[in-house]
N, C-alpha and C. Protein backbone atom coordinates (compact mmCIF):
# COMPACT_ATOMS: atom_id res chain seq x y z
N MET A 1 110.63 -13.64 118.74
CA MET A 1 111.10 -14.35 120.06
C MET A 1 111.04 -13.50 121.06
N VAL A 2 111.44 -12.19 121.13
CA VAL A 2 111.53 -11.40 122.20
C VAL A 2 110.12 -11.07 122.81
N ARG A 3 109.22 -11.09 121.61
CA ARG A 3 107.77 -10.70 121.80
C ARG A 3 107.17 -11.85 122.66
N MET A 4 107.39 -13.32 122.14
CA MET A 4 106.62 -14.15 122.78
C MET A 4 107.47 -14.56 124.29
N LEU A 5 108.45 -14.14 124.59
CA LEU A 5 109.10 -14.14 126.05
C LEU A 5 108.70 -13.16 126.84
N ALA A 6 108.43 -11.85 126.16
CA ALA A 6 108.03 -10.72 127.10
C ALA A 6 106.33 -11.23 127.62
N HIS A 7 105.71 -12.03 126.34
CA HIS A 7 104.46 -12.64 127.01
C HIS A 7 104.29 -13.65 127.88
N ILE A 8 105.34 -14.50 127.68
CA ILE A 8 105.28 -15.61 128.83
C ILE A 8 105.64 -14.99 130.22
N LYS A 9 106.55 -13.94 130.33
CA LYS A 9 106.77 -13.31 131.33
C LYS A 9 105.62 -12.56 132.04
N GLN A 10 105.07 -11.60 131.43
CA GLN A 10 103.72 -11.16 131.99
C GLN A 10 102.61 -12.15 132.30
N SER A 11 102.56 -13.19 131.71
CA SER A 11 101.71 -14.37 131.99
C SER A 11 102.22 -14.84 133.23
N LEU A 12 103.37 -15.34 133.38
CA LEU A 12 103.84 -15.87 134.63
C LEU A 12 103.78 -14.60 135.92
N ILE A 13 103.86 -13.24 135.96
CA ILE A 13 103.80 -12.70 136.57
C ILE A 13 102.17 -12.35 137.25
N LEU A 14 101.41 -12.40 136.09
CA LEU A 14 99.68 -12.29 136.45
C LEU A 14 99.43 -13.77 137.04
N LEU A 15 99.96 -14.68 137.03
CA LEU A 15 99.50 -16.17 137.65
C LEU A 15 100.13 -15.94 138.87
N ALA A 16 101.27 -15.33 139.29
CA ALA A 16 101.74 -15.15 140.47
C ALA A 16 100.98 -14.56 141.56
N LEU A 17 100.40 -13.43 140.81
CA LEU A 17 99.57 -12.43 141.32
C LEU A 17 98.17 -13.03 141.94
N SER A 18 97.96 -14.07 141.18
CA SER A 18 96.60 -14.63 141.30
C SER A 18 95.95 -14.82 142.71
N PRO A 19 96.79 -15.14 143.73
CA PRO A 19 96.25 -15.36 145.02
C PRO A 19 95.80 -13.75 145.57
N LEU A 20 96.59 -12.81 145.39
CA LEU A 20 95.97 -11.55 145.65
C LEU A 20 95.00 -11.14 144.91
N VAL A 21 94.76 -11.23 143.73
CA VAL A 21 93.38 -10.67 143.07
C VAL A 21 91.95 -11.82 143.51
N ILE A 22 92.39 -12.88 143.60
CA ILE A 22 91.31 -13.61 144.38
C ILE A 22 90.94 -13.26 145.73
N GLY A 23 91.91 -13.07 146.48
CA GLY A 23 91.81 -12.25 147.88
C GLY A 23 91.26 -11.23 147.82
N GLY A 24 91.45 -10.26 147.00
CA GLY A 24 90.66 -9.23 146.72
C GLY A 24 89.26 -9.28 146.45
N LEU A 25 88.92 -9.99 145.44
CA LEU A 25 87.84 -10.46 144.89
C LEU A 25 86.82 -11.18 146.31
N VAL A 26 87.30 -11.80 146.80
CA VAL A 26 86.60 -12.45 148.05
C VAL A 26 86.42 -11.44 149.19
N LEU A 27 87.07 -10.41 149.40
CA LEU A 27 86.96 -9.79 150.47
C LEU A 27 85.99 -8.61 149.98
N SER A 28 85.95 -8.51 148.81
CA SER A 28 85.04 -7.42 148.25
C SER A 28 83.59 -7.70 148.38
N ILE A 29 83.22 -8.84 148.57
CA ILE A 29 81.67 -9.63 148.65
C ILE A 29 81.46 -8.79 150.21
N PRO A 30 81.91 -9.48 151.12
CA PRO A 30 81.37 -8.85 152.67
C PRO A 30 81.84 -7.27 152.88
N GLY A 31 82.67 -6.86 152.06
CA GLY A 31 82.86 -5.47 152.14
C GLY A 31 81.77 -4.64 151.39
N TYR A 32 81.42 -5.18 150.59
CA TYR A 32 80.25 -4.58 149.75
C TYR A 32 78.76 -4.54 150.71
N LEU A 33 78.72 -5.77 151.24
CA LEU A 33 77.70 -5.94 152.16
C LEU A 33 77.43 -5.12 153.37
N PHE A 34 78.53 -5.14 153.82
CA PHE A 34 78.91 -4.36 155.10
C PHE A 34 78.69 -2.75 154.70
N HIS A 35 79.12 -2.34 153.72
CA HIS A 35 79.18 -0.90 153.28
C HIS A 35 77.43 -0.63 152.66
N ALA A 36 76.85 -1.65 151.99
CA ALA A 36 75.65 -1.30 151.64
C ALA A 36 74.80 -0.99 152.84
N ILE A 37 75.04 -1.47 154.03
CA ILE A 37 74.35 -1.11 155.40
C ILE A 37 74.78 0.02 156.07
N VAL A 38 76.01 0.09 156.25
CA VAL A 38 76.63 0.99 157.16
C VAL A 38 77.00 2.35 156.54
N ASN A 39 77.39 2.33 155.04
CA ASN A 39 78.16 3.49 154.60
C ASN A 39 77.83 3.20 153.18
N PRO A 40 76.34 3.51 152.73
CA PRO A 40 75.89 3.35 151.21
C PRO A 40 76.76 4.07 150.26
N ARG A 41 77.47 5.21 150.58
CA ARG A 41 78.29 5.73 149.47
C ARG A 41 79.53 5.21 149.22
N ARG A 42 80.16 4.21 150.25
CA ARG A 42 81.25 3.56 149.85
C ARG A 42 80.63 2.36 149.35
N GLY A 43 79.33 1.90 149.77
CA GLY A 43 78.86 0.55 148.93
C GLY A 43 78.42 0.78 147.34
N TRP A 44 78.31 2.12 147.15
CA TRP A 44 77.87 2.51 145.60
C TRP A 44 79.49 2.61 145.05
N LYS A 45 80.38 3.07 145.69
CA LYS A 45 81.85 2.90 144.99
C LYS A 45 82.16 1.55 144.50
N THR A 46 81.92 0.60 145.71
CA THR A 46 82.10 -0.89 145.74
C THR A 46 81.73 -1.32 144.37
N ALA A 47 80.32 -0.99 144.36
CA ALA A 47 79.34 -1.46 143.08
C ALA A 47 79.89 -0.91 141.64
N LEU A 48 80.37 0.11 141.83
CA LEU A 48 80.61 0.92 140.51
C LEU A 48 82.30 -0.02 140.18
N ALA A 49 83.18 -0.30 141.25
CA ALA A 49 84.28 -1.04 140.75
C ALA A 49 83.92 -2.33 140.31
N VAL A 50 83.22 -3.01 140.95
CA VAL A 50 82.68 -4.29 140.31
C VAL A 50 82.32 -4.19 138.87
N ASP A 51 81.21 -3.12 138.51
CA ASP A 51 80.99 -2.83 137.35
C ASP A 51 81.89 -2.45 136.47
N ASP A 52 83.04 -1.72 136.83
CA ASP A 52 83.95 -1.52 135.96
C ASP A 52 84.91 -2.75 135.61
N LEU A 53 84.88 -3.55 136.79
CA LEU A 53 85.89 -4.77 136.56
C LEU A 53 85.11 -5.76 135.42
N GLY A 54 83.67 -5.77 135.56
CA GLY A 54 83.09 -6.77 134.82
C GLY A 54 83.26 -6.17 133.21
N ASN A 55 82.97 -4.95 133.09
CA ASN A 55 83.36 -4.31 131.78
C ASN A 55 84.53 -4.70 131.24
N VAL A 56 85.70 -4.57 131.90
CA VAL A 56 86.91 -5.08 131.65
C VAL A 56 87.38 -6.59 131.10
N VAL A 57 86.54 -7.36 132.02
CA VAL A 57 86.70 -8.57 131.64
C VAL A 57 85.88 -9.17 130.84
N ALA A 58 85.23 -8.25 130.22
CA ALA A 58 84.04 -8.40 128.91
C ALA A 58 85.00 -7.59 127.91
N ASN A 59 86.21 -7.47 127.92
CA ASN A 59 86.88 -6.83 126.74
C ASN A 59 86.71 -5.37 126.63
N GLY A 60 86.43 -4.67 127.62
CA GLY A 60 85.89 -3.06 127.60
C GLY A 60 86.88 -2.55 127.91
N HIS A 61 86.76 -1.09 128.38
CA HIS A 61 87.83 -0.39 128.67
C HIS A 61 87.74 -0.03 130.17
N LEU A 62 88.77 0.09 130.81
CA LEU A 62 89.19 0.44 131.93
C LEU A 62 88.88 1.66 132.30
N GLY A 63 87.91 1.97 133.38
CA GLY A 63 86.89 3.13 133.68
C GLY A 63 85.83 3.45 133.22
N GLN A 64 85.23 2.14 132.36
CA GLN A 64 84.08 2.66 131.72
C GLN A 64 83.19 1.38 132.32
N THR A 65 82.03 1.90 132.66
CA THR A 65 81.00 0.71 133.50
C THR A 65 80.00 0.24 131.98
N ILE A 66 79.73 -0.94 132.45
CA ILE A 66 78.81 -1.52 131.77
C ILE A 66 77.81 -0.70 131.07
N SER A 67 77.17 0.09 131.76
CA SER A 67 75.91 1.09 131.50
C SER A 67 76.74 2.01 130.36
N SER A 68 77.70 2.32 130.46
CA SER A 68 78.15 3.50 129.35
C SER A 68 78.65 2.63 128.17
N ARG A 69 79.27 1.46 128.37
CA ARG A 69 79.52 0.93 127.19
C ARG A 69 78.15 0.56 126.63
N ALA A 70 77.04 0.15 127.16
CA ALA A 70 76.15 -0.26 126.18
C ALA A 70 75.31 1.03 125.64
N ALA A 71 75.50 2.07 126.36
CA ALA A 71 74.82 3.37 125.91
C ALA A 71 75.49 3.63 124.85
N HIS A 72 76.79 3.79 124.59
CA HIS A 72 77.46 3.81 123.56
C HIS A 72 77.11 2.85 122.18
N ALA A 73 77.07 1.70 122.68
CA ALA A 73 76.81 0.76 121.83
C ALA A 73 75.31 0.98 121.09
N THR A 74 74.53 1.35 121.74
CA THR A 74 73.06 1.90 121.41
C THR A 74 73.23 2.95 120.53
N VAL A 75 74.03 4.05 120.71
CA VAL A 75 74.03 5.08 120.11
C VAL A 75 74.91 4.39 118.43
N ALA A 76 75.43 3.66 118.64
CA ALA A 76 76.09 3.05 117.48
C ALA A 76 75.08 1.95 116.57
N GLY A 77 73.89 1.77 117.25
CA GLY A 77 72.94 0.97 116.54
C GLY A 77 73.25 -0.54 116.84
N LYS A 78 74.01 -0.77 117.50
CA LYS A 78 74.11 -2.39 118.21
C LYS A 78 73.08 -2.66 119.03
N ALA A 79 72.37 -3.89 118.72
CA ALA A 79 71.36 -4.69 119.28
C ALA A 79 71.85 -4.89 120.64
N TRP A 80 73.03 -5.46 120.98
CA TRP A 80 72.94 -5.75 122.59
C TRP A 80 72.91 -4.75 123.29
N GLY A 81 73.73 -3.48 122.95
CA GLY A 81 73.42 -2.28 123.88
C GLY A 81 72.06 -1.82 123.91
N LYS A 82 71.20 -1.68 123.15
CA LYS A 82 69.75 -1.78 123.10
C LYS A 82 69.13 -2.62 124.09
N ILE A 83 69.43 -3.70 123.96
CA ILE A 83 68.70 -4.75 124.94
C ILE A 83 69.48 -4.40 126.52
N VAL A 84 70.59 -4.21 126.65
CA VAL A 84 71.26 -4.02 128.03
C VAL A 84 70.53 -2.32 128.52
N CYS A 85 70.53 -1.35 127.80
CA CYS A 85 69.94 -0.31 127.89
C CYS A 85 68.55 -0.35 128.31
N GLY A 86 67.78 -1.05 127.70
CA GLY A 86 65.96 -1.04 127.93
C GLY A 86 65.96 -1.72 129.36
N ALA A 87 66.95 -2.64 129.58
CA ALA A 87 66.66 -3.56 131.08
C ALA A 87 67.22 -2.18 131.87
N LEU A 88 68.32 -1.82 131.81
CA LEU A 88 68.72 -0.73 132.68
C LEU A 88 67.50 0.46 132.92
N ASP A 89 67.24 1.01 131.87
CA ASP A 89 66.25 2.19 131.82
C ASP A 89 65.12 1.71 132.60
N THR A 90 64.81 0.54 132.41
CA THR A 90 63.38 -0.56 132.89
C THR A 90 63.49 0.01 134.76
N VAL A 91 64.62 -0.32 135.02
CA VAL A 91 65.00 -0.14 136.57
C VAL A 91 65.36 1.18 137.10
N ASN A 92 65.79 1.89 136.00
CA ASN A 92 66.28 3.24 136.36
C ASN A 92 66.11 4.11 135.11
N PRO A 93 65.21 4.83 134.93
CA PRO A 93 64.83 5.61 133.75
C PRO A 93 65.79 6.52 133.60
N GLY A 94 66.23 6.45 132.12
CA GLY A 94 67.22 7.44 131.86
C GLY A 94 68.68 7.29 132.26
N HIS A 95 68.84 5.82 132.70
CA HIS A 95 69.86 5.44 133.16
C HIS A 95 71.28 5.19 132.15
N CYS A 96 70.85 4.85 131.05
CA CYS A 96 71.74 4.95 130.02
C CYS A 96 72.27 6.35 129.34
N LYS A 97 71.47 7.25 129.21
CA LYS A 97 71.54 8.30 128.91
C LYS A 97 72.55 9.18 129.85
N LYS A 98 72.26 9.18 131.17
CA LYS A 98 73.08 9.61 132.14
C LYS A 98 74.48 8.88 131.92
N ALA A 99 74.51 7.51 131.67
CA ALA A 99 75.96 6.98 131.72
C ALA A 99 77.05 7.57 130.51
N LEU A 100 76.31 8.12 129.42
CA LEU A 100 77.02 8.97 128.44
C LEU A 100 77.73 10.06 128.78
N THR A 101 77.16 10.79 129.63
CA THR A 101 77.47 11.83 129.94
C THR A 101 78.58 12.06 131.54
N ALA A 102 78.28 10.82 132.27
CA ALA A 102 78.86 10.76 133.56
C ALA A 102 80.38 11.27 133.44
N HIS A 103 81.09 11.89 134.44
CA HIS A 103 82.14 12.46 134.35
C HIS A 103 83.21 11.56 134.40
N ASP A 104 83.07 10.30 134.83
CA ASP A 104 83.96 9.14 134.83
C ASP A 104 83.96 8.27 133.61
N GLN A 105 82.99 8.39 132.50
CA GLN A 105 82.60 7.74 131.76
C GLN A 105 82.89 8.54 130.35
N ASN A 106 83.42 9.44 130.42
CA ASN A 106 83.85 10.07 128.99
C ASN A 106 85.15 9.77 128.39
N LEU A 107 84.91 8.74 127.87
CA LEU A 107 86.37 8.02 127.11
C LEU A 107 85.91 7.95 125.78
N ASN A 108 87.27 7.91 125.41
CA ASN A 108 87.01 7.85 123.56
C ASN A 108 86.91 6.27 123.40
N VAL A 109 85.96 5.75 123.08
CA VAL A 109 85.61 4.22 122.97
C VAL A 109 86.43 3.49 121.81
N GLU A 110 87.04 4.61 120.75
CA GLU A 110 87.70 3.96 119.79
C GLU A 110 89.34 3.58 120.41
N ASP A 111 89.64 4.31 121.58
CA ASP A 111 90.85 3.89 122.19
C ASP A 111 90.91 2.29 122.44
N LYS A 112 92.33 1.77 122.19
CA LYS A 112 92.38 0.29 122.67
C LYS A 112 92.81 0.15 124.06
N PRO A 113 92.42 -0.48 124.86
CA PRO A 113 92.62 -0.82 126.17
C PRO A 113 94.06 -1.07 126.31
């Protein structure tokens, strides 16, 4: 019962935060476009943040990009990782190999988020 109440409380807090989260998502689009032109370094950081968000939404680890997750899946022999890495490596050769060793991607993928 206590666990269920804690779950409900967390859900209500998250729902109350929805306007802030949605506002942040909406503002990130023009911010990304602005920085892509004016400050590409900041544009890359924004793209990385969105990539990280996409990975978390897809039940991945916080702090890990989709590229890193796909690279680890490829090493584990998973077909979806090979498909994603194949597409990424077509656009940017060696992308997934680099994602395995990037300083912000050295996660223990066995850890639960």
